[in-house]
Amino acid sequence: MAYFLELKLSELLPQCTFRQLKQIHALILTTSLNQDIQTFSKFLWRSTEFGTMEYPNLIYSQLGAQFSNNIMIQNAMIRGYGGNGLFEQCLHLFDEMPQRGLKPHNFTCPYVLSSCSKLGWFRKGKQVHCRIVKGGFESNLSVANAIFHLYVKIVDLSDARKVFDDVSVKTIELWNRMISLYVSACDVQSARKLFDVMPERDIVSWNSMITGYTAVRDAGNARDLFERMPEKDVVSWTIMIRVYAAAGDLMTARKFFETMPCKNVVSWNSMISSYSQHRQLEQALDLFSKCNRLGALEFGKWVHYLIEDWSQFGAILGTALIDMYAKCGDIKL
């Protein structure tokens, strides 16, 4: 009977409502399941997933030492605090674990490290990292990811790379994050070395690497990668516009703009801004007028509020804006 109930609860818990959760709680308390730590920890885990820790705290406060000093119960509460934004409570419970005779493991630490990152308690995060190393589970994928993101938040490139190298099975997201970190630091050479040895790439990988070449105004390598991309999205095309604009080659930037199969607000803005930044105001206005003819009212309004220095555009732009509002049926300026 107990086994059947345990099996049924395992099926019901993931999809139950909060009202049903309370009914399950009553069932657990009135059956032999109230002595089953594994079942109770699953129940407590689920109780933390409703956006508040009020009910889990009530349950936890009523537990005897047999349950409250159990690692599965502690993990459920630590996860609950971390997942519901109660980061200090998460760390407080973690710090109490040695007093309870408990040792953290790979299910505990990701939420603790994330709480350190969210609070900006980087010294505490490094202390947790040391405990993880002593515990010998730093190579666990979820733990390694959490450590990596801690050092990314600290902007400690060398430590982030050490953690990255120590991860035995790297996800594509982890590869992309490390490349993006190098790109943000303008270390395009290190980013490219990683990119070249990636076992697989997605469109984020390609776009991140091309963005890196934008920062150093290397249009040649950017274009080489762009042409090798198995698939391109609107972001890829827009990055190339920025690459050539940054290098001062507005003619090629415009060719990419005209060639791209699909344009969005960011694409239009990139091209118009490129002309404006290089003081080619007539070309900027010409492109703006084409945006006008497309009936892109919202984009036009956005440009209207974006432009602060009207003196450099004068009456021409004012006329174009009025014309745009009229064509789009919105004459209330």
Protein backbone atom coordinates (compact mmCIF):
# COMPACT_ATOMS: atom_id res chain seq x y z
CA MET A 1 0.00 0.00 0.00
CA ALA A 2 2.76 2.46 0.97
CA TYR A 3 4.67 1.66 -2.22
CA PHE A 4 1.55 2.29 -4.33
CA LEU A 5 0.96 5.65 -2.62
CA GLU A 6 4.58 6.67 -3.08
CA LEU A 7 4.40 5.81 -6.77
CA LYS A 8 1.13 7.70 -7.22
CA LEU A 9 2.44 10.78 -5.43
CA SER A 10 5.53 10.83 -7.65
CA GLU A 11 3.16 11.10 -10.63
CA LEU A 12 0.87 13.71 -9.05
CA LEU A 13 3.36 16.11 -7.46
CA PRO A 14 4.91 17.63 -10.62
CA GLN A 15 1.53 18.77 -11.96
CA CYS A 16 -0.52 19.41 -8.83
CA THR A 17 -2.04 22.79 -7.96
CA PHE A 18 -1.36 24.50 -4.64
CA ARG A 19 -4.75 23.36 -3.33
CA GLN A 20 -3.99 19.79 -4.36
CA LEU A 21 -0.57 20.09 -2.72
CA LYS A 22 -2.25 20.77 0.62
CA GLN A 23 -4.44 17.71 0.12
CA ILE A 24 -1.34 15.63 -0.60
CA HIS A 25 0.23 17.03 2.57
CA ALA A 26 -2.77 15.84 4.59
CA LEU A 27 -2.50 12.40 2.97
CA ILE A 28 1.20 12.15 3.83
CA LEU A 29 0.57 13.10 7.47
CA THR A 30 -2.17 10.49 7.90
CA THR A 31 -0.29 7.57 6.36
CA SER A 32 3.02 5.81 6.83
CA LEU A 33 4.51 8.16 4.24
CA ASN A 34 5.09 10.71 7.00
CA GLN A 35 8.15 8.63 7.93
CA ASP A 36 9.47 8.39 4.36
CA ILE A 37 12.14 11.08 3.99
CA GLN A 38 12.47 10.65 0.23
CA THR A 39 8.75 11.15 -0.37
CA PHE A 40 8.60 14.08 2.03
CA SER A 41 11.60 15.78 0.41
CA LYS A 42 9.91 15.52 -3.01
CA PHE A 43 6.78 17.04 -1.51
CA LEU A 44 8.77 19.85 0.12
CA TRP A 45 10.64 20.45 -3.13
CA ARG A 46 7.36 20.84 -5.00
CA SER A 47 5.96 23.17 -2.33
CA THR A 48 8.73 25.70 -3.09
CA GLU A 49 7.60 26.04 -6.73
CA PHE A 50 4.56 28.26 -6.17
CA GLY A 51 6.37 31.60 -5.92
CA THR A 52 6.45 31.89 -2.13
CA MET A 53 8.26 30.22 0.75
CA GLU A 54 5.50 30.83 3.31
CA TYR A 55 4.05 27.31 3.12
CA PRO A 56 7.43 25.50 2.83
CA ASN A 57 8.65 27.47 5.88
CA LEU A 58 5.58 26.34 7.83
CA ILE A 59 6.21 22.72 6.88
CA TYR A 60 9.92 22.98 7.66
CA SER A 61 9.29 24.53 11.09
CA GLN A 62 7.13 21.54 12.06
CA LEU A 63 9.72 18.91 11.15
CA GLY A 64 11.55 16.92 13.79
CA ALA A 65 15.34 16.62 13.92
CA GLN A 66 15.21 13.38 11.91
CA PHE A 67 13.91 15.29 8.91
CA SER A 68 15.32 18.80 9.38
CA ASN A 69 18.85 17.39 9.64
CA ASN A 70 18.51 15.41 6.42
CA ILE A 71 20.48 16.49 3.32
CA MET A 72 17.52 16.03 0.93
CA ILE A 73 15.32 18.25 3.10
CA GLN A 74 18.05 20.88 3.36
CA ASN A 75 18.59 20.81 -0.40
CA ALA A 76 14.88 21.33 -1.02
CA MET A 77 14.83 24.39 1.24
CA ILE A 78 18.10 25.84 -0.13
CA ARG A 79 16.78 25.43 -3.67
CA GLY A 80 13.48 27.02 -2.62
CA TYR A 81 15.10 30.07 -1.07
CA GLY A 82 17.44 30.53 -4.03
CA GLY A 83 14.69 30.02 -6.60
CA ASN A 84 12.34 32.48 -4.88
CA GLY A 85 14.85 35.30 -4.54
CA LEU A 86 15.51 34.83 -0.81
CA PHE A 87 19.24 34.66 -1.37
CA GLU A 88 20.38 35.54 2.15
CA GLN A 89 18.17 32.83 3.66
CA CYS A 90 19.60 30.39 1.14
CA LEU A 91 23.15 31.18 2.26
CA HIS A 92 22.19 31.15 5.95
CA LEU A 93 20.80 27.63 5.64
CA PHE A 94 23.90 26.56 3.72
CA ASP A 95 26.13 27.92 6.51
CA GLU A 96 24.15 25.94 9.09
CA MET A 97 24.81 22.62 7.36
CA PRO A 98 28.07 21.78 9.24
CA GLN A 99 26.28 22.36 12.56
CA ARG A 100 23.73 19.77 11.48
CA GLY A 101 26.45 17.32 10.53
CA LEU A 102 25.69 17.69 6.83
CA LYS A 103 28.05 18.08 3.89
CA PRO A 104 26.94 19.94 0.74
CA HIS A 105 27.05 18.11 -2.57
CA ASN A 106 26.41 18.78 -6.24
CA PHE A 107 22.65 19.34 -5.74
CA THR A 108 23.26 21.97 -3.06
CA CYS A 109 25.91 24.25 -4.49
CA PRO A 110 24.44 25.60 -7.77
CA TYR A 111 21.71 27.46 -5.84
CA VAL A 112 24.21 28.69 -3.23
CA LEU A 113 26.63 29.99 -5.87
CA SER A 114 23.78 31.62 -7.78
CA SER A 115 22.68 33.38 -4.58
CA CYS A 116 26.23 34.69 -4.06
CA SER A 117 26.22 36.02 -7.63
CA LYS A 118 22.81 37.67 -7.28
CA LEU A 119 23.81 39.35 -4.01
CA GLY A 120 27.23 40.37 -5.30
CA TRP A 121 28.85 38.48 -2.43
CA PHE A 122 31.83 37.38 -4.48
CA ARG A 123 34.13 36.72 -1.53
CA LYS A 124 31.51 34.37 -0.14
CA GLY A 125 31.19 32.78 -3.57
CA LYS A 126 34.91 32.07 -3.66
CA GLN A 127 34.68 30.49 -0.19
CA VAL A 128 31.91 28.23 -1.44
CA HIS A 129 34.08 27.38 -4.45
CA CYS A 130 36.87 26.29 -2.08
CA ARG A 131 34.43 24.02 -0.20
CA ILE A 132 33.36 22.53 -3.51
CA VAL A 133 36.96 21.76 -4.45
CA LYS A 134 37.52 20.11 -1.06
CA GLY A 135 34.34 18.11 -1.58
CA GLY A 136 35.63 16.90 -4.94
CA PHE A 137 32.55 17.65 -7.07
CA GLU A 138 33.70 20.76 -8.96
CA SER A 139 33.65 18.77 -12.21
CA ASN A 140 29.88 18.20 -11.96
CA LEU A 141 28.32 20.04 -14.91
CA SER A 142 25.68 22.02 -13.01
CA VAL A 143 28.18 22.96 -10.29
CA ALA A 144 30.86 23.94 -12.83
CA ASN A 145 28.34 26.10 -14.71
CA ALA A 146 27.41 27.89 -11.49
CA ILE A 147 31.08 28.48 -10.61
CA PHE A 148 31.74 29.74 -14.11
CA HIS A 149 28.86 32.22 -13.98
CA LEU A 150 30.08 33.45 -10.60
CA TYR A 151 33.46 34.40 -12.08
CA VAL A 152 31.76 35.88 -15.13
CA LYS A 153 29.79 38.14 -12.78
CA ILE A 154 33.02 39.08 -11.01
CA VAL A 155 34.53 39.70 -14.47
CA ASP A 156 37.48 37.50 -13.52
CA LEU A 157 38.48 36.24 -16.96
CA SER A 158 41.38 34.04 -15.87
CA ASP A 159 39.41 32.21 -13.16
CA ALA A 160 36.43 31.83 -15.48
CA ARG A 161 38.73 30.19 -18.05
CA LYS A 162 40.16 27.83 -15.42
CA VAL A 163 36.67 26.72 -14.48
CA PHE A 164 35.77 26.37 -18.16
CA ASP A 165 38.82 24.17 -18.81
CA ASP A 166 38.00 21.97 -15.81
CA VAL A 167 34.52 21.11 -17.09
CA SER A 168 34.79 17.67 -18.69
CA VAL A 169 31.53 17.81 -20.66
CA LYS A 170 30.89 21.34 -21.92
CA THR A 171 27.51 22.44 -23.23
CA ILE A 172 27.34 24.66 -26.30
CA GLU A 173 25.94 27.41 -24.05
CA LEU A 174 29.08 27.25 -21.91
CA TRP A 175 31.31 27.51 -25.00
CA ASN A 176 29.29 30.50 -26.22
CA ARG A 177 29.47 32.21 -22.83
CA MET A 178 33.25 31.88 -22.68
CA ILE A 179 33.64 33.22 -26.21
CA SER A 180 31.30 36.10 -25.41
CA LEU A 181 33.36 36.87 -22.32
CA TYR A 182 36.53 37.15 -24.41
CA VAL A 183 34.71 39.29 -26.97
CA SER A 184 33.51 41.64 -24.22
CA ALA A 185 37.13 41.99 -23.09
CA CYS A 186 38.19 42.71 -26.73
CA ASP A 187 40.40 39.59 -26.63
CA VAL A 188 39.33 38.47 -30.09
CA GLN A 189 42.36 36.21 -30.56
CA SER A 190 41.46 34.05 -27.53
CA ALA A 191 37.81 34.03 -28.59
CA ARG A 192 38.76 32.79 -32.06
CA LYS A 193 40.99 30.04 -30.66
CA LEU A 194 38.04 28.72 -28.67
CA PHE A 195 35.67 29.15 -31.59
CA ASP A 196 37.94 27.12 -33.88
CA VAL A 197 38.02 24.12 -31.51
CA MET A 198 34.32 24.04 -30.67
CA PRO A 199 32.95 20.54 -31.32
CA GLU A 200 29.72 22.08 -32.60
CA ARG A 201 28.43 25.60 -33.16
CA ASP A 202 25.05 27.27 -33.28
CA ILE A 203 24.09 30.64 -34.70
CA VAL A 204 24.90 32.33 -31.37
CA SER A 205 28.49 31.06 -31.67
CA TRP A 206 28.91 32.54 -35.14
CA ASN A 207 27.25 35.85 -34.28
CA SER A 208 29.34 36.25 -31.11
CA MET A 209 32.57 35.70 -33.01
CA ILE A 210 31.63 38.13 -35.79
CA THR A 211 30.70 40.69 -33.12
CA GLY A 212 34.23 40.34 -31.77
CA TYR A 213 35.66 41.41 -35.11
CA THR A 214 33.35 44.42 -35.08
CA ALA A 215 35.02 45.71 -31.91
CA VAL A 216 38.48 45.57 -33.52
CA ARG A 217 37.20 46.76 -36.92
CA ASP A 218 38.41 43.63 -38.70
CA ALA A 219 35.94 43.47 -41.59
CA GLY A 220 37.97 40.84 -43.48
CA ASN A 221 37.78 38.11 -40.84
CA ALA A 222 34.19 39.05 -40.04
CA ARG A 223 33.15 38.61 -43.66
CA ASP A 224 35.07 35.33 -43.94
CA LEU A 225 33.10 33.91 -41.02
CA PHE A 226 29.84 35.38 -42.30
CA GLU A 227 30.25 33.66 -45.66
CA ARG A 228 31.02 30.35 -43.94
CA MET A 229 27.91 30.46 -41.75
CA PRO A 230 25.60 27.50 -42.47
CA GLU A 231 22.61 29.75 -41.71
CA LYS A 232 22.22 33.46 -41.09
CA ASP A 233 19.58 35.41 -39.22
CA VAL A 234 18.73 39.11 -39.09
CA VAL A 235 21.26 39.55 -36.27
CA SER A 236 24.06 38.16 -38.47
CA TRP A 237 23.29 40.61 -41.28
CA THR A 238 22.97 43.55 -38.88
CA ILE A 239 26.34 42.74 -37.30
CA MET A 240 27.95 42.89 -40.75
CA ILE A 241 26.43 46.33 -41.32
CA ARG A 242 28.05 47.45 -38.08
CA VAL A 243 31.38 45.82 -38.97
CA TYR A 244 31.73 47.77 -42.20
CA ALA A 245 30.32 50.96 -40.69
CA ALA A 246 32.90 50.75 -37.88
CA ALA A 247 35.61 50.31 -40.52
CA GLY A 248 34.32 53.39 -42.37
CA ASP A 249 33.15 51.43 -45.43
CA LEU A 250 29.57 52.66 -45.62
CA MET A 251 29.15 51.60 -49.24
CA THR A 252 29.66 47.93 -48.36
CA ALA A 253 27.56 48.35 -45.22
CA ARG A 254 24.72 49.64 -47.40
CA LYS A 255 25.12 46.69 -49.79
CA PHE A 256 24.66 44.30 -46.89
CA PHE A 257 21.64 46.29 -45.75
CA GLU A 258 20.03 46.15 -49.20
CA THR A 259 20.85 42.44 -49.62
CA MET A 260 19.58 41.17 -46.29
CA PRO A 261 16.39 39.13 -46.82
CA CYS A 262 14.60 40.47 -43.75
CA LYS A 263 15.06 43.78 -41.93
CA ASN A 264 13.91 44.84 -38.48
CA VAL A 265 14.00 48.08 -36.50
CA VAL A 266 17.57 47.39 -35.34
CA SER A 267 18.74 46.91 -38.94
CA TRP A 268 17.23 50.20 -40.08
CA ASN A 269 18.62 52.01 -37.07
CA SER A 270 22.11 50.54 -37.60
CA MET A 271 22.29 51.80 -41.16
CA ILE A 272 20.79 55.23 -40.45
CA SER A 273 22.99 55.67 -37.36
CA SER A 274 26.06 54.69 -39.38
CA TYR A 275 25.38 57.48 -41.86
CA SER A 276 24.71 59.94 -39.06
CA GLN A 277 27.90 59.05 -37.17
CA HIS A 278 29.96 59.61 -40.32
CA ARG A 279 28.20 62.94 -40.95
CA GLN A 280 26.57 61.67 -44.14
CA LEU A 281 23.27 63.28 -43.29
CA GLU A 282 21.76 63.27 -46.78
CA GLN A 283 22.14 59.50 -47.04
CA ALA A 284 20.65 59.13 -43.56
CA LEU A 285 17.64 61.20 -44.59
CA ASP A 286 17.30 59.31 -47.86
CA LEU A 287 17.16 56.02 -46.00
CA PHE A 288 14.78 57.49 -43.47
CA SER A 289 12.44 58.54 -46.27
CA LYS A 290 12.42 54.95 -47.56
CA CYS A 291 11.48 53.79 -44.10
CA ASN A 292 8.71 56.39 -44.30
CA ARG A 293 7.41 54.94 -47.59
CA LEU A 294 7.25 51.50 -46.02
CA GLY A 295 4.78 52.92 -43.53
CA ALA A 296 7.04 52.06 -40.59
CA LEU A 297 5.28 54.43 -38.22
CA GLU A 298 6.60 53.00 -34.97
CA PHE A 299 10.17 53.06 -36.24
CA GLY A 300 9.74 56.62 -37.41
CA LYS A 301 8.39 57.68 -34.04
CA TRP A 302 11.36 56.01 -32.41
CA VAL A 303 13.79 57.93 -34.64
CA HIS A 304 11.83 61.12 -33.93
CA TYR A 305 12.52 60.84 -30.21
CA LEU A 306 16.03 59.46 -30.71
CA ILE A 307 17.38 62.50 -32.55
CA GLU A 308 18.46 65.13 -30.06
CA ASP A 309 20.46 67.51 -32.21
CA TRP A 310 17.84 68.76 -34.67
CA SER A 311 20.10 71.58 -35.85
CA GLN A 312 22.22 69.23 -37.97
CA PHE A 313 19.16 67.89 -39.82
CA GLY A 314 17.07 71.03 -40.07
CA ALA A 315 13.85 71.47 -42.01
CA ILE A 316 14.42 68.49 -44.30
CA LEU A 317 13.99 65.95 -41.53
CA GLY A 318 11.12 67.90 -40.02
CA THR A 319 9.30 67.75 -43.36
CA ALA A 320 10.06 64.03 -43.69
CA LEU A 321 8.66 63.32 -40.24
CA ILE A 322 5.46 65.29 -40.89
CA ASP A 323 5.08 63.48 -44.21
CA MET A 324 5.55 60.14 -42.48
CA TYR A 325 2.89 60.83 -39.84
CA ALA A 326 0.46 61.99 -42.54
CA LYS A 327 1.00 58.91 -44.71
CA CYS A 328 0.56 56.63 -41.73
CA GLY A 329 -2.65 58.36 -40.71
CA ASP A 330 -1.25 59.79 -37.47
CA ILE A 331 -1.21 63.60 -37.68
CA LYS A 332 -1.27 64.26 -33.91
CA LEU A 333 2.37 65.25 -33.34
